[in-house]
């Protein structure tokens, strides 16, 4: 049986778990491997299960462009160092997968992420540098009791090639940090609005706690 390359395996898994089309469009072709690691050492491994406590703190981000041929990668490291990215974390299963009326719930939004200088090649992958303040501050998973399994999804976009990193205009709804301001956010429409190119994703699962017993 032939083994899929990492990006093909990613696309296959996204289709199997219905993140395509629940979150991402069928036209999505990943070109960057995205790695998310929490401060306690827990890593997001494309559908592994974490607890609420394990995902409580803001994670570190690593991205590795995979679209260049090996002989091109070293020659273009300097250019890759200048590329900036936007990252979101969303829950498409809010409040439940059977009734996702708050899809997508926006847990986190960052613009202006950059690879560490001289390290955008395949051979090194330090944590991404944050060059802009958080647009939406990190809110950890907190599924309602008895709401089932939630697919917490990280989405990575490449920002337009300009002299400055992306900073949303004052008053943009993505600055809203209250519970109701995070609900029903459309990441695909957001990317299209700001001219972003969808390049990577990964996700983890959280099982909701059982229903609370009445006293």
C-alpha atoms as a PDB file:
ATOM      1  CA  UNK A   1       0.000   0.000   0.000  1.00  0.00           C
ATOM      2  CA  UNK A   2       1.461   3.379  -1.031  1.00  0.00           C
ATOM      3  CA  UNK A   3       2.046   5.963   1.670  1.00  0.00           C
ATOM      4  CA  UNK A   4       0.647   9.462   1.176  1.00  0.00           C
ATOM      5  CA  UNK A   5       2.949  12.453   1.472  1.00  0.00           C
ATOM      6  CA  UNK A   6       2.215  14.634   4.550  1.00  0.00           C
ATOM      7  CA  UNK A   7       0.151  17.223   2.699  1.00  0.00           C
ATOM      8  CA  UNK A   8      -1.923  14.629   0.827  1.00  0.00           C
ATOM      9  CA  UNK A   9      -2.485  12.763   4.089  1.00  0.00           C
ATOM     10  CA  UNK A  10      -3.657  16.026   5.648  1.00  0.00           C
ATOM     11  CA  UNK A  11      -6.194  16.662   2.898  1.00  0.00           C
ATOM     12  CA  UNK A  12      -7.460  13.091   3.125  1.00  0.00           C
ATOM     13  CA  UNK A  13      -7.931  13.387   6.886  1.00  0.00           C
ATOM     14  CA  UNK A  14      -9.736  16.724   6.610  1.00  0.00           C
ATOM     15  CA  UNK A  15     -12.203  15.179   4.186  1.00  0.00           C
ATOM     16  CA  UNK A  16     -12.680  12.085   6.347  1.00  0.00           C
ATOM     17  CA  UNK A  17     -13.473  14.179   9.422  1.00  0.00           C
ATOM     18  CA  UNK A  18     -15.662  16.647   7.443  1.00  0.00           C
ATOM     19  CA  UNK A  19     -13.502  19.644   8.313  1.00  0.00           C
ATOM     20  CA  UNK A  20     -13.708  19.900   4.560  1.00  0.00           C
ATOM     21  CA  UNK A  21     -16.358  21.336   4.022  1.00  0.00           C
ATOM     22  CA  UNK A  22     -17.437  22.279   7.571  1.00  0.00           C
ATOM     23  CA  UNK A  23     -14.538  24.731   8.002  1.00  0.00           C
ATOM     24  CA  UNK A  24     -12.365  24.656   4.880  1.00  0.00           C
ATOM     25  CA  UNK A  25     -13.332  24.744   1.196  1.00  0.00           C
ATOM     26  CA  UNK A  26     -13.061  21.682  -1.029  1.00  0.00           C
ATOM     27  CA  UNK A  27     -10.540  23.623  -3.134  1.00  0.00           C
ATOM     28  CA  UNK A  28      -8.033  23.815  -0.242  1.00  0.00           C
ATOM     29  CA  UNK A  29      -4.544  22.638  -1.232  1.00  0.00           C
ATOM     30  CA  UNK A  30      -2.169  22.807   1.782  1.00  0.00           C
ATOM     31  CA  UNK A  31       1.387  23.962   1.169  1.00  0.00           C
ATOM     32  CA  UNK A  32       2.632  24.495   4.732  1.00  0.00           C
ATOM     33  CA  UNK A  33       2.941  21.975   7.563  1.00  0.00           C
ATOM     34  CA  UNK A  34       1.588  23.546  10.753  1.00  0.00           C
ATOM     35  CA  UNK A  35       2.676  22.387  14.203  1.00  0.00           C
ATOM     36  CA  UNK A  36       1.052  23.552  17.446  1.00  0.00           C
ATOM     37  CA  UNK A  37       2.667  22.831  20.829  1.00  0.00           C
ATOM     38  CA  UNK A  38       1.258  23.782  24.227  1.00  0.00           C
ATOM     39  CA  UNK A  39       3.551  24.968  27.061  1.00  0.00           C
ATOM     40  CA  UNK A  40       3.080  21.636  28.876  1.00  0.00           C
ATOM     41  CA  UNK A  41       4.612  19.819  25.888  1.00  0.00           C
ATOM     42  CA  UNK A  42       1.350  18.530  24.432  1.00  0.00           C
ATOM     43  CA  UNK A  43       1.445  18.675  20.638  1.00  0.00           C
ATOM     44  CA  UNK A  44      -1.503  18.860  18.262  1.00  0.00           C
ATOM     45  CA  UNK A  45      -1.154  15.766  16.078  1.00  0.00           C
ATOM     46  CA  UNK A  46      -3.900  16.008  13.469  1.00  0.00           C
ATOM     47  CA  UNK A  47      -6.888  14.794  15.411  1.00  0.00           C
ATOM     48  CA  UNK A  48      -5.414  13.643  18.692  1.00  0.00           C
ATOM     49  CA  UNK A  49      -7.488  14.170  21.836  1.00  0.00           C
ATOM     50  CA  UNK A  50      -6.481  16.726  24.453  1.00  0.00           C
ATOM     51  CA  UNK A  51      -8.145  17.662  27.701  1.00  0.00           C
ATOM     52  CA  UNK A  52      -9.361  21.152  28.517  1.00  0.00           C
ATOM     53  CA  UNK A  53      -6.505  21.506  31.005  1.00  0.00           C
ATOM     54  CA  UNK A  54      -3.896  20.422  28.443  1.00  0.00           C
ATOM     55  CA  UNK A  55      -5.044  23.158  26.053  1.00  0.00           C
ATOM     56  CA  UNK A  56      -5.560  25.828  28.702  1.00  0.00           C
ATOM     57  CA  UNK A  57      -2.630  28.093  27.818  1.00  0.00           C
ATOM     58  CA  UNK A  58      -1.713  29.863  24.596  1.00  0.00           C
ATOM     59  CA  UNK A  59       0.370  27.498  22.425  1.00  0.00           C
ATOM     60  CA  UNK A  60       3.511  27.999  20.363  1.00  0.00           C
ATOM     61  CA  UNK A  61       3.364  27.815  16.581  1.00  0.00           C
ATOM     62  CA  UNK A  62       5.731  26.330  13.998  1.00  0.00           C
ATOM     63  CA  UNK A  63       5.150  26.346  10.254  1.00  0.00           C
ATOM     64  CA  UNK A  64       7.232  24.716   7.551  1.00  0.00           C
ATOM     65  CA  UNK A  65       6.671  25.581   3.882  1.00  0.00           C
ATOM     66  CA  UNK A  66       6.686  22.406   1.816  1.00  0.00           C
ATOM     67  CA  UNK A  67       5.915  23.661  -1.676  1.00  0.00           C
ATOM     68  CA  UNK A  68       9.505  24.372  -2.710  1.00  0.00           C
ATOM     69  CA  UNK A  69      11.764  21.791  -4.293  1.00  0.00           C
ATOM     70  CA  UNK A  70      14.810  20.991  -2.087  1.00  0.00           C
ATOM     71  CA  UNK A  71      17.236  22.743  -4.419  1.00  0.00           C
ATOM     72  CA  UNK A  72      15.073  25.881  -4.294  1.00  0.00           C
ATOM     73  CA  UNK A  73      14.520  26.011  -0.549  1.00  0.00           C
ATOM     74  CA  UNK A  74      17.973  27.170   0.559  1.00  0.00           C
ATOM     75  CA  UNK A  75      18.162  29.776  -2.201  1.00  0.00           C
ATOM     76  CA  UNK A  76      14.839  31.268  -1.174  1.00  0.00           C
ATOM     77  CA  UNK A  77      15.256  31.219   2.629  1.00  0.00           C
ATOM     78  CA  UNK A  78      15.759  34.984   2.708  1.00  0.00           C
ATOM     79  CA  UNK A  79      12.492  35.527   0.865  1.00  0.00           C
ATOM     80  CA  UNK A  80      10.623  33.101   3.113  1.00  0.00           C
ATOM     81  CA  UNK A  81      11.874  34.995   6.162  1.00  0.00           C
ATOM     82  CA  UNK A  82       9.892  37.996   4.925  1.00  0.00           C
ATOM     83  CA  UNK A  83       6.613  36.118   4.454  1.00  0.00           C
ATOM     84  CA  UNK A  84       4.023  36.816   7.152  1.00  0.00           C
ATOM     85  CA  UNK A  85       1.065  34.687   8.186  1.00  0.00           C
ATOM     86  CA  UNK A  86      -2.289  34.942   9.955  1.00  0.00           C
ATOM     87  CA  UNK A  87      -3.434  32.177  12.318  1.00  0.00           C
ATOM     88  CA  UNK A  88      -6.877  31.394  13.716  1.00  0.00           C
ATOM     89  CA  UNK A  89      -8.206  28.745  16.068  1.00  0.00           C
ATOM     90  CA  UNK A  90     -11.903  27.947  15.737  1.00  0.00           C
ATOM     91  CA  UNK A  91     -14.507  25.484  16.983  1.00  0.00           C
ATOM     92  CA  UNK A  92     -16.932  24.469  14.221  1.00  0.00           C
ATOM     93  CA  UNK A  93     -18.931  22.361  16.684  1.00  0.00           C
ATOM     94  CA  UNK A  94     -20.355  25.139  18.841  1.00  0.00           C
ATOM     95  CA  UNK A  95     -22.437  24.481  20.738  1.00  0.00           C
ATOM     96  CA  UNK A  96     -22.579  20.906  19.369  1.00  0.00           C
ATOM     97  CA  UNK A  97     -21.694  19.179  16.117  1.00  0.00           C
ATOM     98  CA  UNK A  98     -25.341  18.202  15.644  1.00  0.00           C
ATOM     99  CA  UNK A  99     -26.465  21.808  16.195  1.00  0.00           C
ATOM    100  CA  UNK A 100     -23.561  24.062  15.110  1.00  0.00           C
ATOM    101  CA  UNK A 101     -25.505  27.314  15.181  1.00  0.00           C
ATOM    102  CA  UNK A 102     -22.458  29.243  16.463  1.00  0.00           C
ATOM    103  CA  UNK A 103     -20.082  27.853  13.807  1.00  0.00           C
ATOM    104  CA  UNK A 104     -17.343  28.912  13.823  1.00  0.00           C
ATOM    105  CA  UNK A 105     -16.539  30.031  17.358  1.00  0.00           C
ATOM    106  CA  UNK A 106     -13.344  32.112  17.157  1.00  0.00           C
ATOM    107  CA  UNK A 107     -10.945  31.119  19.943  1.00  0.00           C
ATOM    108  CA  UNK A 108      -7.836  32.944  18.717  1.00  0.00           C
ATOM    109  CA  UNK A 109      -6.673  35.220  15.913  1.00  0.00           C
ATOM    110  CA  UNK A 110      -3.139  36.432  15.240  1.00  0.00           C
ATOM    111  CA  UNK A 111      -1.727  38.388  12.319  1.00  0.00           C
ATOM    112  CA  UNK A 112       1.895  39.116  11.426  1.00  0.00           C
ATOM    113  CA  UNK A 113       3.391  35.729  12.309  1.00  0.00           C
ATOM    114  CA  UNK A 114       6.839  35.210  10.798  1.00  0.00           C
ATOM    115  CA  UNK A 115       9.340  32.385  10.643  1.00  0.00           C
ATOM    116  CA  UNK A 116      12.438  32.814  12.775  1.00  0.00           C
ATOM    117  CA  UNK A 117      15.197  34.543  10.749  1.00  0.00           C
ATOM    118  CA  UNK A 118      17.177  32.189   8.491  1.00  0.00           C
ATOM    119  CA  UNK A 119      15.082  29.210   9.572  1.00  0.00           C
ATOM    120  CA  UNK A 120      12.229  28.873   7.114  1.00  0.00           C
ATOM    121  CA  UNK A 121      13.820  25.879   5.385  1.00  0.00           C
ATOM    122  CA  UNK A 122      12.868  22.259   5.924  1.00  0.00           C
ATOM    123  CA  UNK A 123      15.838  21.655   8.209  1.00  0.00           C
ATOM    124  CA  UNK A 124      14.852  23.999  11.037  1.00  0.00           C
ATOM    125  CA  UNK A 125      11.546  24.856  12.637  1.00  0.00           C
ATOM    126  CA  UNK A 126      11.727  27.191  15.658  1.00  0.00           C
ATOM    127  CA  UNK A 127       8.634  28.844  17.005  1.00  0.00           C
ATOM    128  CA  UNK A 128       7.068  31.584  14.915  1.00  0.00           C
ATOM    129  CA  UNK A 129       7.693  35.188  15.854  1.00  0.00           C
ATOM    130  CA  UNK A 130       4.683  37.321  16.801  1.00  0.00           C
ATOM    131  CA  UNK A 131       5.136  40.779  15.288  1.00  0.00           C
ATOM    132  CA  UNK A 132       1.643  42.141  15.971  1.00  0.00           C
ATOM    133  CA  UNK A 133      -0.588  42.220  19.076  1.00  0.00           C
ATOM    134  CA  UNK A 134      -3.247  39.524  19.208  1.00  0.00           C
ATOM    135  CA  UNK A 135      -6.374  40.475  17.300  1.00  0.00           C
ATOM    136  CA  UNK A 136      -8.560  38.055  19.274  1.00  0.00           C
ATOM    137  CA  UNK A 137      -6.954  36.894  22.545  1.00  0.00           C
ATOM    138  CA  UNK A 138      -6.632  33.171  23.130  1.00  0.00           C
ATOM    139  CA  UNK A 139      -9.651  31.556  24.740  1.00  0.00           C
ATOM    140  CA  UNK A 140      -9.081  27.904  25.701  1.00  0.00           C
ATOM    141  CA  UNK A 141     -11.555  25.139  24.892  1.00  0.00           C
ATOM    142  CA  UNK A 142     -14.582  25.052  27.168  1.00  0.00           C
ATOM    143  CA  UNK A 143     -17.243  22.830  25.621  1.00  0.00           C
ATOM    144  CA  UNK A 144     -20.634  22.668  27.276  1.00  0.00           C
ATOM    145  CA  UNK A 145     -21.365  19.554  29.340  1.00  0.00           C
ATOM    146  CA  UNK A 146     -22.760  16.701  27.240  1.00  0.00           C
ATOM    147  CA  UNK A 147     -22.034  18.542  23.973  1.00  0.00           C
ATOM    148  CA  UNK A 148     -19.968  15.693  22.558  1.00  0.00           C
ATOM    149  CA  UNK A 149     -16.696  15.815  20.657  1.00  0.00           C
ATOM    150  CA  UNK A 150     -15.369  19.163  19.422  1.00  0.00           C
ATOM    151  CA  UNK A 151     -12.894  19.641  16.538  1.00  0.00           C
ATOM    152  CA  UNK A 152     -10.682  22.581  17.512  1.00  0.00           C
ATOM    153  CA  UNK A 153      -9.129  23.713  14.257  1.00  0.00           C
ATOM    154  CA  UNK A 154      -6.096  25.902  13.562  1.00  0.00           C
ATOM    155  CA  UNK A 155      -6.086  27.713  10.208  1.00  0.00           C
ATOM    156  CA  UNK A 156      -2.997  29.325   8.687  1.00  0.00           C
ATOM    157  CA  UNK A 157      -3.086  31.911   5.896  1.00  0.00           C
ATOM    158  CA  UNK A 158      -0.247  33.581   4.042  1.00  0.00           C
ATOM    159  CA  UNK A 159      -0.615  37.344   4.085  1.00  0.00           C
ATOM    160  CA  UNK A 160      -0.308  39.482   0.932  1.00  0.00           C
ATOM    161  CA  UNK A 161       3.229  40.395  -0.126  1.00  0.00           C
ATOM    162  CA  UNK A 162       3.492  43.952   1.156  1.00  0.00           C
ATOM    163  CA  UNK A 163       6.031  45.934   3.139  1.00  0.00           C
ATOM    164  CA  UNK A 164       3.973  45.607   6.328  1.00  0.00           C
ATOM    165  CA  UNK A 165       2.277  42.741   8.122  1.00  0.00           C
ATOM    166  CA  UNK A 166      -1.501  42.623   8.224  1.00  0.00           C
ATOM    167  CA  UNK A 167      -3.211  44.690  10.895  1.00  0.00           C
ATOM    168  CA  UNK A 168      -6.993  44.808  10.837  1.00  0.00           C
ATOM    169  CA  UNK A 169      -8.687  48.214  10.774  1.00  0.00           C
ATOM    170  CA  UNK A 170     -10.059  49.701  13.974  1.00  0.00           C
ATOM    171  CA  UNK A 171     -13.549  48.457  14.669  1.00  0.00           C
ATOM    172  CA  UNK A 172     -13.115  45.122  12.878  1.00  0.00           C
ATOM    173  CA  UNK A 173     -15.354  42.483  14.514  1.00  0.00           C
ATOM    174  CA  UNK A 174     -12.334  40.232  15.061  1.00  0.00           C
ATOM    175  CA  UNK A 175     -11.215  42.493  17.924  1.00  0.00           C
ATOM    176  CA  UNK A 176     -14.278  41.390  19.860  1.00  0.00           C
ATOM    177  CA  UNK A 177     -13.267  39.195  22.778  1.00  0.00           C
ATOM    178  CA  UNK A 178     -16.615  38.703  24.522  1.00  0.00           C
ATOM    179  CA  UNK A 179     -18.319  35.338  24.193  1.00  0.00           C
ATOM    180  CA  UNK A 180     -21.065  36.549  21.870  1.00  0.00           C
ATOM    181  CA  UNK A 181     -18.556  38.467  19.710  1.00  0.00           C
ATOM    182  CA  UNK A 182     -16.626  35.285  18.943  1.00  0.00           C
ATOM    183  CA  UNK A 183     -19.624  33.310  17.692  1.00  0.00           C
ATOM    184  CA  UNK A 184     -20.653  32.595  14.090  1.00  0.00           C
ATOM    185  CA  UNK A 185     -17.380  33.697  12.499  1.00  0.00           C
ATOM    186  CA  UNK A 186     -16.662  32.693   8.901  1.00  0.00           C
ATOM    187  CA  UNK A 187     -12.918  32.075   8.421  1.00  0.00           C
ATOM    188  CA  UNK A 188     -13.210  31.579   4.657  1.00  0.00           C
ATOM    189  CA  UNK A 189     -14.983  34.922   4.198  1.00  0.00           C
ATOM    190  CA  UNK A 190     -12.423  36.568   6.490  1.00  0.00           C
ATOM    191  CA  UNK A 191      -9.541  35.279   4.376  1.00  0.00           C
ATOM    192  CA  UNK A 192     -11.168  36.450   1.167  1.00  0.00           C
ATOM    193  CA  UNK A 193     -11.874  39.900   2.607  1.00  0.00           C
ATOM    194  CA  UNK A 194      -8.226  40.537   3.437  1.00  0.00           C
ATOM    195  CA  UNK A 195      -6.667  38.819   0.434  1.00  0.00           C
ATOM    196  CA  UNK A 196      -5.201  35.938   2.446  1.00  0.00           C
ATOM    197  CA  UNK A 197      -4.071  32.649   0.940  1.00  0.00           C
ATOM    198  CA  UNK A 198      -5.086  29.534   2.880  1.00  0.00           C
ATOM    199  CA  UNK A 199      -1.938  27.416   3.262  1.00  0.00           C
ATOM    200  CA  UNK A 200      -2.131  25.162   6.340  1.00  0.00           C
ATOM    201  CA  UNK A 201      -4.236  23.631   9.082  1.00  0.00           C
ATOM    202  CA  UNK A 202      -4.279  21.111  11.898  1.00  0.00           C
ATOM    203  CA  UNK A 203      -6.753  20.216  14.635  1.00  0.00           C
ATOM    204  CA  UNK A 204      -7.297  18.414  17.916  1.00  0.00           C
ATOM    205  CA  UNK A 205     -10.326  16.944  19.647  1.00  0.00           C
ATOM    206  CA  UNK A 206     -11.807  17.646  23.065  1.00  0.00           C
ATOM    207  CA  UNK A 207     -14.495  15.474  24.605  1.00  0.00           C
ATOM    208  CA  UNK A 208     -17.015  17.503  26.570  1.00  0.00           C
ATOM    209  CA  UNK A 209     -17.615  16.706  30.238  1.00  0.00           C
ATOM    210  CA  UNK A 210     -20.697  14.637  31.105  1.00  0.00           C
ATOM    211  CA  UNK A 211     -24.023  16.259  31.840  1.00  0.00           C
ATOM    212  CA  UNK A 212     -24.217  17.851  35.244  1.00  0.00           C
ATOM    213  CA  UNK A 213     -26.301  15.893  37.687  1.00  0.00           C
ATOM    214  CA  UNK A 214     -29.185  17.698  39.331  1.00  0.00           C
ATOM    215  CA  UNK A 215     -28.934  18.140  43.073  1.00  0.00           C
END
